[in-house]
Amino acid sequence: MKQTESNRVTILLYGMVVLSLILTWRILSVPSNNSSMQTISTTQLSTSTATSVKNIEDIFAPYQMLVHTSSSTFITQNETVVGQANDFLAKWKMSSPRFESVYSDELFRELVLELNKVEIKFPASILLGLISRYFENLSEDMYGETISRILIPTDKSESIYLVDDHNKHVYTARRPETAMDDLVAIYMENKNSFALADAFGFENGIKFLPRDSFELKRIVYLVEKQPNSFFINELFDDTTELRDDSSEFYTAYSDNISKLQIHKETGILSYLRNSLDQVESSSYQQIRDSFHALKFIDTWTRVTYFNGYDEESGEITYYRYMNGYPIMNSSDRGLIRITMSNTRPVEIQYPTEVIQTPLEDREELVVLPSGVDVIDRLTKAGYLFNDIQSVRVGYGWKSSEESSRIAELTPAWYVKMNDTWRTVDAWLKSLEEGENVGL
């Protein structure tokens, strides 16, 4: 009996020794976040749990729904409402889109301002191929055509208009036999989410802005981000030969092909990769490839929308959204830039910080002025209306003075002049300080 008990004690002691050795090896083999990483572990993080997987119909989607009645226009950017309109179009299925004409500025304006229709607006010109789900058998030769609005007249005998604010191209499409009652019902059932709006003609297109002042929440969130090793494993083919090029302001790694750096204060990631073999691909393919590249690194759990493609540089942009509005501040906390080559990203700018847990007790309502008041304030200060390229509401991201892990997101009006987005207050301040604003 004593011999059996002694054997059990011996086995238990051996087990404890083995466990201790395993724990010691684990601690020594996995460096802390403060370690200087000369040789990077090749252990891969699980993309399915680390990233927020998005579908193509969520990224390449509208952000506004407008209802033009016989006398007024109503607008919403409510994510749920616009999402319902997005789903409706995917089920409804337009057909036979064809190019009609390039409209003059005057004719284009008249078309957009026509009443008695429902309008679906995208953040930027979007390729038809990226919204092919809206069509019944969209021909591939139409994939490269771009639009920024879908105009659906309530008169069943009229065609649907697909128009692009940038180049004034106008296409028409046939409506299905099914009535658009469900689309109208989205408006009727959510009238409280719509605001009365007025049209303004800016350089970058016609914008419908709220006629009255309105309220949006100023929100506060805890901030998180993936460890640097996550991005290293996703963006480098071989992590065993990386050089640590970190400095006072940047965490940086490189090899003979690529360079990655992350700003220590803002968390903005910059990635460059040499591409020796240039293979031409269509804009449609480049944008599709950028979407798949983004899926592997993106940890933003809220809405992200495609925001444009630059034909000259090949740069593709996306914006993160909060409560239906883009994150707009100057430090680019909401902007993603990707350039593709041979199905791979060769340049990325990506904000690694993401909001995670809301601090609801710190929320407060902010009253924003009407669109007309914003324009009046700028013109009375000395700006010319013709200098205004565009206007929109967005959220500014600011790290709390209390902690860098707390983000304060405050809604404000943003105005684009000289190809630069700033808040109204920032533009007025620059005028007071005598900056050259191109007037």
Protein backbone atom coordinates (compact mmCIF):
# COMPACT_ATOMS: atom_id res chain seq x y z
CA MET A 1 0.00 0.00 0.00
CA LYS A 2 2.81 2.41 1.00
CA GLN A 3 4.72 1.38 -2.12
CA THR A 4 1.73 2.25 -4.34
CA GLU A 5 1.30 5.64 -2.64
CA SER A 6 5.01 6.35 -3.07
CA ASN A 7 4.79 5.57 -6.79
CA ARG A 8 1.88 7.99 -7.17
CA VAL A 9 3.82 10.77 -5.46
CA THR A 10 6.82 10.09 -7.70
CA ILE A 11 4.67 10.25 -10.86
CA LEU A 12 3.06 13.48 -9.65
CA LEU A 13 6.46 15.08 -9.01
CA TYR A 14 7.71 14.05 -12.46
CA GLY A 15 4.57 15.56 -13.98
CA MET A 16 5.11 18.84 -12.17
CA VAL A 17 8.72 18.99 -13.37
CA VAL A 18 7.67 18.40 -16.98
CA LEU A 19 4.96 21.07 -16.74
CA SER A 20 7.50 23.52 -15.28
CA LEU A 21 9.89 22.87 -18.17
CA ILE A 22 7.11 23.43 -20.72
CA LEU A 23 6.10 26.74 -19.13
CA THR A 24 9.73 27.89 -18.95
CA TRP A 25 10.25 27.08 -22.64
CA ARG A 26 7.04 28.95 -23.53
CA ILE A 27 8.09 32.09 -21.66
CA LEU A 28 11.58 32.12 -23.18
CA SER A 29 10.52 31.30 -26.73
CA VAL A 30 7.75 33.92 -27.04
CA PRO A 31 9.18 37.44 -26.75
CA SER A 32 7.22 40.21 -25.10
CA ASN A 33 5.89 43.17 -27.05
CA ASN A 34 8.83 45.25 -25.79
CA SER A 35 11.43 42.92 -27.26
CA SER A 36 13.48 43.98 -30.28
CA MET A 37 12.35 41.59 -32.96
CA GLN A 38 15.31 40.55 -35.10
CA THR A 39 14.03 37.15 -36.19
CA ILE A 40 10.27 36.97 -36.45
CA SER A 41 8.40 33.85 -35.45
CA THR A 42 6.69 32.20 -38.40
CA THR A 43 3.71 31.20 -36.29
CA GLN A 44 0.64 32.36 -38.21
CA LEU A 45 -2.28 34.04 -36.52
CA SER A 46 -5.72 32.80 -37.45
CA THR A 47 -7.13 35.24 -40.00
CA SER A 48 -10.66 34.03 -39.37
CA THR A 49 -10.53 35.16 -35.75
CA ALA A 50 -8.17 38.13 -36.08
CA THR A 51 -9.87 39.93 -38.95
CA SER A 52 -13.40 41.14 -39.51
CA VAL A 53 -14.39 39.29 -42.67
CA LYS A 54 -16.54 41.45 -44.95
CA ASN A 55 -18.57 40.59 -48.02
CA ILE A 56 -18.24 42.36 -51.34
CA GLU A 57 -21.87 43.51 -51.18
CA ASP A 58 -21.13 45.30 -47.89
CA ILE A 59 -18.04 47.18 -49.12
CA PHE A 60 -19.24 48.13 -52.62
CA ALA A 61 -22.53 49.58 -51.53
CA PRO A 62 -24.49 52.84 -51.31
CA TYR A 63 -24.32 55.14 -48.31
CA GLN A 64 -27.35 57.36 -48.98
CA MET A 65 -30.99 56.89 -49.87
CA LEU A 66 -33.01 59.85 -51.11
CA VAL A 67 -36.73 60.13 -51.80
CA HIS A 68 -37.81 62.90 -54.16
CA THR A 69 -41.55 63.48 -53.80
CA SER A 70 -43.64 65.84 -55.93
CA SER A 71 -42.52 68.79 -53.81
CA SER A 72 -39.59 67.89 -51.54
CA THR A 73 -36.48 65.76 -51.12
CA PHE A 74 -35.75 63.60 -48.08
CA ILE A 75 -32.39 62.04 -47.30
CA THR A 76 -30.96 59.43 -44.93
CA GLN A 77 -27.59 57.86 -44.19
CA ASN A 78 -28.97 55.50 -41.58
CA GLU A 79 -26.98 52.30 -42.07
CA THR A 80 -29.93 49.99 -41.45
CA VAL A 81 -32.24 51.83 -43.85
CA VAL A 82 -29.64 52.13 -46.62
CA GLY A 83 -28.74 48.48 -46.07
CA GLN A 84 -32.36 47.52 -46.71
CA ALA A 85 -32.29 49.47 -49.98
CA ASN A 86 -29.06 47.71 -50.93
CA ASP A 87 -30.70 44.33 -50.30
CA PHE A 88 -33.80 45.36 -52.27
CA LEU A 89 -31.77 46.23 -55.37
CA ALA A 90 -29.91 42.91 -55.17
CA LYS A 91 -33.22 41.02 -55.21
CA TRP A 92 -35.09 43.31 -57.61
CA LYS A 93 -32.63 42.89 -60.53
CA MET A 94 -32.48 45.58 -63.19
CA SER A 95 -31.68 44.44 -66.73
CA SER A 96 -30.30 45.54 -70.11
CA PRO A 97 -28.20 48.53 -69.02
CA ARG A 98 -27.00 50.57 -71.98
CA PHE A 99 -25.07 53.78 -72.50
CA GLU A 100 -27.34 56.66 -73.47
CA SER A 101 -25.18 59.78 -73.70
CA VAL A 102 -22.70 62.16 -72.10
CA TYR A 103 -24.89 64.91 -70.69
CA SER A 104 -24.04 68.59 -70.50
CA ASP A 105 -23.78 70.05 -67.00
CA GLU A 106 -27.20 71.66 -67.40
CA LEU A 107 -28.95 68.50 -68.63
CA PHE A 108 -27.26 66.40 -65.96
CA ARG A 109 -28.39 68.79 -63.25
CA GLU A 110 -31.97 68.71 -64.56
CA LEU A 111 -31.97 64.90 -64.53
CA VAL A 112 -30.67 64.65 -60.96
CA LEU A 113 -33.10 67.30 -59.70
CA GLU A 114 -36.20 65.70 -61.23
CA LEU A 115 -38.87 64.87 -58.66
CA ASN A 116 -40.97 61.74 -58.08
CA LYS A 117 -38.16 59.23 -57.83
CA VAL A 118 -36.06 57.22 -55.39
CA GLU A 119 -32.32 57.79 -55.52
CA ILE A 120 -29.53 55.54 -54.32
CA LYS A 121 -26.17 57.31 -53.89
CA PHE A 122 -22.67 55.81 -53.66
CA PRO A 123 -19.70 57.44 -51.87
CA ALA A 124 -17.79 57.59 -55.17
CA SER A 125 -17.99 56.47 -58.79
CA ILE A 126 -18.28 52.69 -58.73
CA LEU A 127 -17.80 50.10 -61.47
CA LEU A 128 -20.95 48.30 -62.57
CA GLY A 129 -19.02 45.04 -62.30
CA LEU A 130 -18.72 45.59 -58.54
CA ILE A 131 -22.51 45.86 -58.19
CA SER A 132 -23.39 43.21 -60.78
CA ARG A 133 -25.70 41.71 -58.14
CA TYR A 134 -28.15 44.50 -58.98
CA PHE A 135 -28.56 43.21 -62.54
CA GLU A 136 -29.95 40.22 -64.37
CA ASN A 137 -26.99 38.79 -66.29
CA LEU A 138 -24.81 41.91 -66.55
CA SER A 139 -22.59 41.64 -69.62
CA GLU A 140 -18.87 41.65 -68.85
CA ASP A 141 -18.28 44.44 -71.36
CA MET A 142 -20.23 46.69 -68.96
CA TYR A 143 -18.09 45.81 -65.92
CA GLY A 144 -15.77 48.79 -66.41
CA GLU A 145 -18.51 51.44 -66.71
CA THR A 146 -18.93 53.69 -63.68
CA ILE A 147 -21.90 55.29 -61.92
CA SER A 148 -22.41 57.26 -58.71
CA ARG A 149 -26.24 57.35 -58.51
CA ILE A 150 -29.20 55.15 -59.35
CA LEU A 151 -32.36 57.14 -60.15
CA ILE A 152 -35.60 55.14 -60.07
CA PRO A 153 -38.69 57.12 -61.18
CA THR A 154 -41.93 56.20 -59.45
CA ASP A 155 -43.62 56.19 -62.87
CA LYS A 156 -43.47 52.52 -63.89
CA SER A 157 -43.29 53.42 -67.58
CA GLU A 158 -39.98 55.25 -67.20
CA SER A 159 -36.55 53.66 -67.39
CA ILE A 160 -34.08 53.61 -64.54
CA TYR A 161 -31.16 56.03 -64.88
CA LEU A 162 -27.62 55.12 -63.85
CA VAL A 163 -25.48 58.27 -63.78
CA ASP A 164 -21.93 59.32 -62.95
CA ASP A 165 -21.33 62.76 -61.44
CA HIS A 166 -17.66 62.69 -62.43
CA ASN A 167 -17.92 62.25 -66.21
CA LYS A 168 -21.67 62.98 -66.69
CA HIS A 169 -22.18 59.59 -68.35
CA VAL A 170 -25.81 58.49 -68.32
CA TYR A 171 -27.01 54.90 -68.73
CA THR A 172 -30.51 53.50 -68.73
CA ALA A 173 -31.73 50.12 -67.49
CA ARG A 174 -34.99 48.24 -67.64
CA ARG A 175 -36.92 47.69 -64.45
CA PRO A 176 -38.19 44.20 -63.57
CA GLU A 177 -41.85 43.29 -63.69
CA THR A 178 -42.00 43.35 -59.91
CA ALA A 179 -43.13 46.75 -58.63
CA MET A 180 -40.86 48.95 -56.52
CA ASP A 181 -43.39 48.98 -53.67
CA ASP A 182 -40.95 47.38 -51.23
CA LEU A 183 -38.42 50.16 -51.87
CA VAL A 184 -41.02 52.85 -51.22
CA ALA A 185 -42.08 50.93 -48.10
CA ILE A 186 -38.55 51.28 -46.71
CA TYR A 187 -39.08 55.04 -46.73
CA MET A 188 -42.64 54.91 -45.41
CA GLU A 189 -41.67 52.66 -42.50
CA ASN A 190 -38.60 54.72 -41.56
CA LYS A 191 -39.69 58.33 -42.09
CA ASN A 192 -38.14 59.36 -38.79
CA SER A 193 -34.72 58.46 -40.21
CA PHE A 194 -35.11 60.86 -43.17
CA ALA A 195 -34.44 64.60 -43.16
CA LEU A 196 -35.74 67.32 -45.46
CA ALA A 197 -32.91 68.33 -47.81
CA ASP A 198 -31.91 71.03 -50.29
CA ALA A 199 -29.73 70.65 -53.38
CA PHE A 200 -26.39 72.43 -53.83
CA GLY A 201 -24.28 72.32 -56.96
CA PHE A 202 -20.57 71.98 -56.13
CA GLU A 203 -17.55 71.29 -58.31
CA ASN A 204 -17.58 67.59 -57.37
CA GLY A 205 -21.30 67.20 -58.03
CA ILE A 206 -24.74 67.93 -56.69
CA LYS A 207 -25.15 67.38 -52.96
CA PHE A 208 -28.37 67.22 -50.97
CA LEU A 209 -27.80 68.73 -47.52
CA PRO A 210 -30.18 68.80 -44.53
CA ARG A 211 -32.38 71.90 -44.50
CA ASP A 212 -32.62 72.04 -40.71
CA SER A 213 -30.17 71.59 -37.86
CA PHE A 214 -29.93 68.02 -36.58
CA GLU A 215 -28.39 65.96 -33.79
CA LEU A 216 -25.72 63.26 -33.89
CA LYS A 217 -24.01 61.48 -31.03
CA ARG A 218 -20.50 62.27 -29.90
CA ILE A 219 -19.26 58.80 -29.01
CA VAL A 220 -16.36 57.42 -26.97
CA TYR A 221 -14.79 53.99 -27.43
CA LEU A 222 -11.97 51.90 -26.09
CA VAL A 223 -9.36 51.38 -28.81
CA GLU A 224 -7.61 48.13 -29.69
CA LYS A 225 -5.28 46.97 -32.42
CA GLN A 226 -3.69 43.76 -33.59
CA PRO A 227 -0.07 43.14 -32.53
CA ASN A 228 2.61 44.05 -35.05
CA SER A 229 3.31 40.36 -35.60
CA PHE A 230 -0.17 39.99 -37.13
CA PHE A 231 0.59 42.46 -39.92
CA ILE A 232 4.12 41.09 -40.35
CA ASN A 233 2.81 37.59 -40.92
CA GLU A 234 0.19 38.81 -43.40
CA LEU A 235 2.42 41.13 -45.45
CA PHE A 236 5.81 39.35 -45.56
CA ASP A 237 6.39 36.07 -47.38
CA ASP A 238 9.37 35.07 -45.21
CA THR A 239 9.61 36.45 -41.68
CA THR A 240 12.95 34.85 -40.80
CA GLU A 241 15.16 37.48 -42.47
CA LEU A 242 13.52 40.70 -41.35
CA ARG A 243 15.53 43.71 -40.24
CA ASP A 244 14.35 45.85 -37.35
CA ASP A 245 14.47 49.47 -38.59
CA SER A 246 12.47 50.98 -35.75
CA SER A 247 13.02 54.57 -34.66
CA GLU A 248 11.72 56.98 -32.05
CA PHE A 249 8.51 57.55 -34.00
CA TYR A 250 8.03 54.35 -36.02
CA THR A 251 8.07 50.62 -35.53
CA ALA A 252 9.58 49.38 -38.79
CA TYR A 253 10.69 46.14 -40.43
CA SER A 254 12.06 45.39 -43.88
CA ASP A 255 13.59 42.75 -46.09
CA ASN A 256 15.01 42.94 -49.60
CA ILE A 257 11.54 43.30 -51.13
CA SER A 258 9.20 45.05 -48.70
CA LYS A 259 9.12 47.62 -45.95
CA LEU A 260 6.55 47.99 -43.18
CA GLN A 261 6.30 50.83 -40.69
CA ILE A 262 3.68 51.74 -38.09
CA HIS A 263 3.54 55.19 -36.53
CA LYS A 264 3.79 54.75 -32.77
CA GLU A 265 1.38 57.56 -31.93
CA THR A 266 -1.32 57.33 -34.62
CA GLY A 267 -1.05 53.61 -35.42
CA ILE A 268 -1.07 54.37 -39.16
CA LEU A 269 0.56 51.51 -41.08
CA SER A 270 2.53 52.13 -44.27
CA TYR A 271 3.65 49.25 -46.48
CA LEU A 272 5.74 49.28 -49.66
CA ARG A 273 6.67 46.33 -51.83
CA ASN A 274 8.92 46.30 -54.88
CA SER A 275 7.18 44.90 -57.93
CA LEU A 276 9.59 43.99 -60.72
CA ASP A 277 7.14 42.32 -63.10
CA GLN A 278 4.34 44.71 -64.02
CA VAL A 279 1.30 42.95 -65.46
CA GLU A 280 -1.50 45.17 -66.72
CA SER A 281 -4.93 44.39 -65.36
CA SER A 282 -8.29 46.10 -65.61
CA SER A 283 -9.49 48.58 -63.02
CA TYR A 284 -12.20 46.08 -62.12
CA GLN A 285 -9.63 43.37 -61.40
CA GLN A 286 -7.37 45.71 -59.42
CA ILE A 287 -10.24 46.83 -57.20
CA ARG A 288 -11.41 43.25 -56.68
CA ASP A 289 -7.87 42.23 -55.76
CA SER A 290 -7.59 45.14 -53.31
CA PHE A 291 -10.79 43.99 -51.61
CA HIS A 292 -9.35 40.51 -51.09
CA ALA A 293 -6.08 41.99 -49.79
CA LEU A 294 -8.01 44.16 -47.35
CA LYS A 295 -9.98 41.20 -46.02
CA PHE A 296 -6.78 39.60 -44.71
CA ILE A 297 -5.69 42.55 -42.58
CA ASP A 298 -8.86 44.49 -41.73
CA THR A 299 -10.08 44.28 -38.14
CA TRP A 300 -12.65 47.08 -38.32
CA THR A 301 -16.00 45.63 -37.23
CA ARG A 302 -18.11 48.56 -38.42
CA VAL A 303 -19.01 49.63 -41.95
CA THR A 304 -16.33 50.25 -44.58
CA TYR A 305 -17.18 51.61 -48.04
CA PHE A 306 -15.25 51.75 -51.29
CA ASN A 307 -14.36 55.39 -51.87
CA GLY A 308 -12.79 55.54 -55.32
CA TYR A 309 -10.16 54.48 -57.83
CA ASP A 310 -7.50 56.79 -59.31
CA GLU A 311 -6.90 55.77 -62.91
CA GLU A 312 -3.54 57.55 -63.11
CA SER A 313 -1.92 56.21 -59.94
CA GLY A 314 -3.94 53.00 -59.58
CA GLU A 315 -4.67 53.91 -55.96
CA ILE A 316 -7.85 52.44 -54.46
CA THR A 317 -9.37 54.07 -51.39
CA TYR A 318 -11.81 52.95 -48.73
CA TYR A 319 -13.33 54.86 -45.80
CA ARG A 320 -14.38 53.56 -42.44
CA TYR A 321 -17.82 54.72 -41.34
CA MET A 322 -19.49 55.26 -37.99
CA ASN A 323 -23.28 55.57 -37.70
CA GLY A 324 -23.55 56.23 -41.43
CA TYR A 325 -20.81 58.89 -41.62
CA PRO A 326 -17.12 58.61 -42.60
CA ILE A 327 -14.25 59.08 -40.15
CA MET A 328 -12.68 62.17 -41.63
CA ASN A 329 -9.98 63.70 -39.43
CA SER A 330 -6.64 64.85 -40.84
CA SER A 331 -4.61 62.01 -39.30
CA ASP A 332 -6.37 59.56 -41.64
CA ARG A 333 -7.79 57.34 -38.88
CA GLY A 334 -10.59 56.33 -41.25
CA LEU A 335 -8.85 56.26 -44.65
CA ILE A 336 -7.40 53.14 -46.31
CA ARG A 337 -5.26 53.37 -49.46
CA ILE A 338 -4.17 50.34 -51.50
CA THR A 339 -2.27 50.04 -54.78
CA MET A 340 -2.17 46.64 -56.47
CA SER A 341 0.19 44.90 -58.91
CA ASN A 342 0.02 41.30 -60.07
CA THR A 343 -2.85 40.57 -57.65
CA ARG A 344 -0.71 41.70 -54.70
CA PRO A 345 -0.61 44.99 -52.78
CA VAL A 346 2.51 47.06 -53.49
CA GLU A 347 1.46 49.99 -51.35
CA ILE A 348 -0.85 50.17 -48.33
CA GLN A 349 -1.83 52.88 -45.89
CA TYR A 350 -3.96 51.41 -43.14
CA PRO A 351 -5.11 52.62 -39.67
CA THR A 352 -4.35 49.77 -37.27
CA GLU A 353 -6.40 51.18 -34.38
CA VAL A 354 -10.02 50.07 -34.20
CA ILE A 355 -12.82 50.95 -31.82
CA GLN A 356 -13.98 48.06 -29.70
CA THR A 357 -16.00 48.78 -26.55
CA PRO A 358 -18.34 51.79 -26.31
CA LEU A 359 -18.22 53.93 -23.17
CA GLU A 360 -21.91 54.76 -23.32
CA ASP A 361 -21.91 56.88 -20.16
CA ARG A 362 -19.69 59.40 -21.99
CA GLU A 363 -21.93 59.81 -25.05
CA GLU A 364 -23.54 63.19 -25.67
CA LEU A 365 -25.64 64.76 -28.42
CA VAL A 366 -24.08 67.36 -30.71
CA VAL A 367 -26.28 69.80 -32.65
CA LEU A 368 -25.05 70.36 -36.21
CA PRO A 369 -26.23 73.34 -38.29
CA SER A 370 -28.12 72.97 -41.56
CA GLY A 371 -26.31 72.79 -44.88
CA VAL A 372 -27.41 76.31 -45.79
CA ASP A 373 -26.01 77.68 -42.52
CA VAL A 374 -22.66 76.02 -43.21
CA ILE A 375 -22.42 77.59 -46.67
CA ASP A 376 -23.52 81.00 -45.34
CA ARG A 377 -20.91 80.89 -42.61
CA LEU A 378 -18.12 80.23 -45.12
CA THR A 379 -19.21 82.80 -47.68
CA LYS A 380 -19.77 85.52 -45.08
CA ALA A 381 -16.24 84.90 -43.78
CA GLY A 382 -14.80 85.54 -47.24
CA TYR A 383 -14.78 82.23 -49.10
CA LEU A 384 -16.39 82.06 -52.53
CA PHE A 385 -19.12 79.50 -53.18
CA ASN A 386 -17.31 78.42 -56.35
CA ASP A 387 -14.24 77.48 -54.27
CA ILE A 388 -16.25 74.83 -52.42
CA GLN A 389 -15.73 71.46 -54.11
CA SER A 390 -17.91 69.40 -51.77
CA VAL A 391 -19.46 69.32 -48.29
CA ARG A 392 -20.34 66.44 -45.98
CA VAL A 393 -20.71 65.40 -42.36
CA GLY A 394 -18.04 63.17 -40.85
CA TYR A 395 -16.61 62.03 -37.54
CA GLY A 396 -13.35 63.42 -36.20
CA TRP A 397 -11.20 60.91 -34.29
CA LYS A 398 -9.24 62.23 -31.31
CA SER A 399 -7.28 60.31 -28.70
CA SER A 400 -8.43 61.17 -25.21
CA GLU A 401 -6.08 63.15 -22.97
CA GLU A 402 -6.92 60.59 -20.32
CA SER A 403 -5.54 57.63 -22.29
CA SER A 404 -4.39 56.83 -25.82
CA ARG A 405 -6.59 53.74 -25.59
CA ILE A 406 -9.70 55.90 -25.53
CA ALA A 407 -10.97 57.47 -28.78
CA GLU A 408 -13.40 60.37 -28.88
CA LEU A 409 -15.42 60.58 -32.12
CA THR A 410 -17.12 63.92 -32.66
CA PRO A 411 -19.42 64.70 -35.64
CA ALA A 412 -18.77 67.88 -37.63
CA TRP A 413 -19.25 69.45 -41.05
CA TYR A 414 -16.31 68.92 -43.40
CA VAL A 415 -15.68 71.06 -46.47
CA LYS A 416 -13.45 70.25 -49.44
CA MET A 417 -11.50 73.13 -50.99
CA ASN A 418 -8.19 73.00 -52.86
CA ASP A 419 -8.60 69.18 -52.88
CA THR A 420 -8.35 69.18 -49.07
CA TRP A 421 -10.99 68.17 -46.52
CA ARG A 422 -11.16 70.27 -43.33
CA THR A 423 -13.80 71.10 -40.76
CA VAL A 424 -15.64 74.39 -41.18
CA ASP A 425 -13.91 75.73 -38.07
CA ALA A 426 -10.49 74.77 -39.47
CA TRP A 427 -11.18 76.63 -42.73
CA LEU A 428 -12.34 79.72 -40.85
CA LYS A 429 -9.27 79.61 -38.63
CA SER A 430 -6.96 79.36 -41.65
CA LEU A 431 -8.66 82.44 -43.11
CA GLU A 432 -8.14 84.36 -39.89
CA GLU A 433 -4.47 83.37 -39.83
CA GLY A 434 -4.01 84.56 -43.38
CA GLU A 435 -3.19 81.21 -44.97
CA ASN A 436 -3.10 81.03 -48.76
CA VAL A 437 -6.41 79.35 -49.49
CA GLY A 438 -6.49 80.02 -53.20
CA LEU A 439 -9.03 82.84 -53.14
